[in-house]
Amino acid sequence: MIRIFNGPEIHRAPTLRDEMFRDRAAQFVGRLNWPLSLDQQGREIDQYDRLRPIYVICTDGAGRHQGSLRLLPTMGRTMMGENFPGLAPEGFRRPGIMECTRFCIAPRAPAHVSAALFLGVLELGLDRGWTGSYGVFDARMVRVYQRLGTPAKLVATLGAGRDALCLGYFDFDPALRAVLARRAGDERVLLAA
């Protein structure tokens, strides 16, 4: 199931919240060796988590974290604008355009979780009248996104090879529903937490 949490609503589900932050630590610090700090509970939480982001979270039948991502409006503070200005296109701060960060898949998650998360973002964006979202990712993810059938437009790249940083744009196009729904299996999207 895909659950949407607006800002502080995530604290109403403390076990799920902590699983998400621990899985982020496992992925970004453990597997990818990013130089991020962890809190005393082994959770990866940064300054953007304090900005009331929207969390899109895929859970299993027992309500455990399988994957998640974070959305912030580009009109405010963004990781792209503050940490990756070399990737940010001119005029990226516009109403209805979001920034997607911390796309995380739990180590035990089934293969359909990535598609389910994209479906959740698409449904949320269409429901709220958003246009699309930007996301910074490493070059290894380009193939994953292509395999999912998400036509993310590559906007900019810094560096070369597998470790290059990329900026992509995902258009919230209703025509993507069928492709993502097929790959997401029977995941349901709850637009209210």
Protein backbone atom coordinates (compact mmCIF):
# COMPACT_ATOMS: atom_id res chain seq x y z
CA MET A 1 0.00 0.00 0.00
CA ILE A 2 1.17 3.52 -0.77
CA ARG A 3 0.64 6.00 2.03
CA ILE A 4 1.02 9.78 1.83
CA PHE A 5 2.14 11.78 4.87
CA ASN A 6 2.02 15.59 4.81
CA GLY A 7 4.77 17.09 6.95
CA PRO A 8 4.40 16.28 10.65
CA GLU A 9 1.76 13.59 9.97
CA ILE A 10 4.69 11.17 9.68
CA HIS A 11 5.12 11.36 13.47
CA ARG A 12 1.72 9.69 13.91
CA ALA A 13 3.35 6.50 12.59
CA PRO A 14 6.60 6.41 14.61
CA THR A 15 7.53 2.79 13.82
CA LEU A 16 7.12 3.33 10.08
CA ARG A 17 8.93 6.68 10.28
CA ASP A 18 11.91 5.14 12.07
CA GLU A 19 12.06 2.19 9.64
CA MET A 20 12.13 4.67 6.75
CA PHE A 21 14.99 6.69 8.27
CA ARG A 22 16.94 3.50 9.11
CA ASP A 23 16.46 2.11 5.60
CA ARG A 24 17.68 5.44 4.23
CA ALA A 25 20.80 5.01 6.37
CA ALA A 26 21.28 1.46 5.07
CA GLN A 27 20.94 2.57 1.44
CA PHE A 28 22.71 5.92 1.32
CA VAL A 29 25.39 5.43 3.99
CA GLY A 30 25.74 1.64 4.09
CA ARG A 31 25.47 0.69 0.41
CA LEU A 32 26.31 3.92 -1.44
CA ASN A 33 28.87 5.26 1.09
CA TRP A 34 27.48 8.79 1.01
CA PRO A 35 29.06 10.97 3.73
CA LEU A 36 25.80 11.57 5.62
CA SER A 37 25.40 11.76 9.37
CA LEU A 38 23.20 9.43 11.38
CA ASP A 39 21.50 10.13 14.68
CA GLN A 40 22.00 8.02 17.82
CA GLN A 41 19.27 5.61 16.67
CA GLY A 42 21.04 4.98 13.34
CA ARG A 43 18.55 7.05 11.33
CA GLU A 44 19.45 9.25 8.36
CA ILE A 45 17.60 12.53 8.88
CA ASP A 46 18.71 15.79 7.27
CA GLN A 47 17.73 19.46 7.32
CA TYR A 48 15.14 18.95 4.55
CA ASP A 49 13.18 16.54 6.75
CA ARG A 50 12.55 19.54 9.03
CA LEU A 51 10.86 21.51 6.22
CA ARG A 52 7.53 19.65 6.41
CA PRO A 53 8.06 17.54 3.28
CA ILE A 54 5.52 15.14 1.89
CA TYR A 55 6.54 11.50 2.29
CA VAL A 56 5.32 8.85 -0.14
CA ILE A 57 5.79 5.46 1.53
CA CYS A 58 5.17 1.93 0.27
CA THR A 59 4.31 -0.53 3.03
CA ASP A 60 3.84 -4.29 3.10
CA GLY A 61 0.76 -6.08 4.47
CA ALA A 62 2.05 -5.68 8.03
CA GLY A 63 2.58 -1.92 7.58
CA ARG A 64 6.39 -2.16 7.39
CA HIS A 65 8.50 0.18 5.26
CA GLN A 66 9.36 -1.16 1.80
CA GLY A 67 10.31 2.06 0.08
CA SER A 68 9.85 5.81 0.26
CA LEU A 69 10.68 9.20 -1.12
CA ARG A 70 10.38 12.80 -0.06
CA LEU A 71 8.77 15.72 -1.92
CA LEU A 72 9.34 19.44 -1.43
CA PRO A 73 7.96 22.33 -3.50
CA THR A 74 10.62 23.97 -5.64
CA MET A 75 9.34 27.39 -4.55
CA GLY A 76 11.05 26.88 -1.17
CA ARG A 77 14.37 25.43 -0.02
CA THR A 78 15.46 22.43 -2.06
CA MET A 79 18.41 20.08 -2.08
CA MET A 80 18.81 20.75 -5.79
CA GLY A 81 19.08 24.51 -5.32
CA GLU A 82 21.31 24.41 -2.25
CA ASN A 83 23.49 21.33 -2.76
CA PHE A 84 23.53 20.83 -6.54
CA PRO A 85 23.24 24.31 -8.09
CA GLY A 86 25.36 23.13 -11.04
CA LEU A 87 22.54 20.77 -12.01
CA ALA A 88 19.60 23.10 -11.36
CA PRO A 89 18.15 24.57 -14.55
CA GLU A 90 17.31 28.24 -14.76
CA GLY A 91 13.75 28.91 -13.67
CA PHE A 92 13.23 25.55 -11.94
CA ARG A 93 11.43 27.22 -9.01
CA ARG A 94 7.83 27.25 -10.19
CA PRO A 95 4.44 26.57 -8.61
CA GLY A 96 3.30 23.00 -9.19
CA ILE A 97 6.85 21.67 -9.60
CA MET A 98 8.19 19.46 -6.83
CA GLU A 99 11.62 18.13 -5.91
CA CYS A 100 11.84 14.40 -5.21
CA THR A 101 14.70 13.26 -2.95
CA ARG A 102 15.72 10.30 -0.79
CA PHE A 103 14.21 7.70 -3.12
CA CYS A 104 14.87 4.65 -0.94
CA ILE A 105 14.11 0.96 -1.35
CA ALA A 106 14.32 -1.25 1.75
CA PRO A 107 16.79 -4.17 1.49
CA ARG A 108 13.97 -6.74 1.79
CA ALA A 109 11.57 -5.03 -0.64
CA PRO A 110 10.07 -6.82 -3.65
CA ALA A 111 10.84 -5.62 -7.17
CA HIS A 112 7.55 -3.79 -7.73
CA VAL A 113 8.14 -1.20 -4.98
CA SER A 114 9.93 1.32 -7.23
CA ALA A 115 7.01 1.37 -9.67
CA ALA A 116 4.56 1.62 -6.78
CA LEU A 117 6.35 4.70 -5.45
CA PHE A 118 6.28 6.36 -8.87
CA LEU A 119 2.59 5.53 -9.16
CA GLY A 120 2.01 7.10 -5.74
CA VAL A 121 3.82 10.29 -6.76
CA LEU A 122 1.93 10.43 -10.05
CA GLU A 123 -1.47 9.97 -8.37
CA LEU A 124 -0.62 12.55 -5.71
CA GLY A 125 0.61 15.04 -8.31
CA LEU A 126 -2.48 14.63 -10.47
CA ASP A 127 -4.73 14.91 -7.42
CA ARG A 128 -3.07 18.18 -6.33
CA GLY A 129 -2.75 19.67 -9.79
CA TRP A 130 1.04 19.57 -9.90
CA THR A 131 2.94 19.54 -13.19
CA GLY A 132 5.94 17.34 -12.40
CA SER A 133 9.03 16.82 -10.26
CA TYR A 134 12.79 17.08 -10.47
CA GLY A 135 15.07 14.53 -8.91
CA VAL A 136 18.84 14.25 -8.47
CA PHE A 137 20.18 10.72 -8.77
CA ASP A 138 23.36 8.90 -9.69
CA ALA A 139 23.83 7.54 -13.21
CA ARG A 140 23.21 3.95 -12.07
CA MET A 141 19.53 4.83 -11.63
CA VAL A 142 18.97 5.85 -15.27
CA ARG A 143 18.50 2.20 -16.32
CA VAL A 144 16.19 1.53 -13.36
CA TYR A 145 13.94 4.43 -14.32
CA GLN A 146 13.91 3.38 -17.98
CA ARG A 147 13.02 -0.20 -17.02
CA LEU A 148 10.10 1.10 -14.97
CA GLY A 149 8.72 2.90 -18.00
CA THR A 150 9.02 6.32 -16.41
CA PRO A 151 10.00 8.71 -19.15
CA ALA A 152 12.11 10.92 -16.91
CA LYS A 153 13.75 13.53 -19.08
CA LEU A 154 17.47 13.84 -18.33
CA VAL A 155 18.02 17.57 -17.74
CA ALA A 156 21.67 17.79 -16.64
CA THR A 157 24.67 15.65 -15.68
CA LEU A 158 27.76 16.35 -13.57
CA GLY A 159 30.71 13.97 -13.81
CA ALA A 160 31.06 10.77 -15.80
CA GLY A 161 30.46 7.07 -15.52
CA ARG A 162 28.43 5.23 -12.90
CA ASP A 163 29.02 7.89 -10.26
CA ALA A 164 27.89 10.85 -12.37
CA LEU A 165 25.14 12.92 -10.81
CA CYS A 166 22.06 13.40 -12.96
CA LEU A 167 19.03 15.65 -12.77
CA GLY A 168 15.84 14.27 -14.26
CA TYR A 169 12.35 15.66 -14.70
CA PHE A 170 9.28 13.46 -14.31
CA ASP A 171 6.14 14.81 -15.98
CA PHE A 172 2.87 14.05 -14.15
CA ASP A 173 1.15 12.68 -17.24
CA PRO A 174 -2.08 10.70 -16.69
CA ALA A 175 -1.08 8.41 -19.57
CA LEU A 176 1.62 6.92 -17.30
CA ARG A 177 -0.97 5.45 -14.92
CA ALA A 178 -1.49 2.25 -16.91
CA VAL A 179 2.23 1.51 -17.34
CA LEU A 180 3.07 2.15 -13.69
CA ALA A 181 -0.02 0.32 -12.40
CA ARG A 182 0.97 -2.79 -14.39
CA ARG A 183 4.46 -2.75 -12.90
CA ALA A 184 3.25 -1.85 -9.39
CA GLY A 185 0.99 -4.89 -9.17
CA ASP A 186 -1.92 -4.58 -6.80
CA GLU A 187 -0.60 -1.66 -4.74
CA ARG A 188 -3.28 0.78 -3.65
CA VAL A 189 -2.56 4.50 -3.26
CA LEU A 190 -4.09 6.20 -0.22
CA LEU A 191 -4.08 9.93 -0.86
CA ALA A 192 -4.84 10.60 2.81
CA ALA A 193 -2.67 9.18 5.61
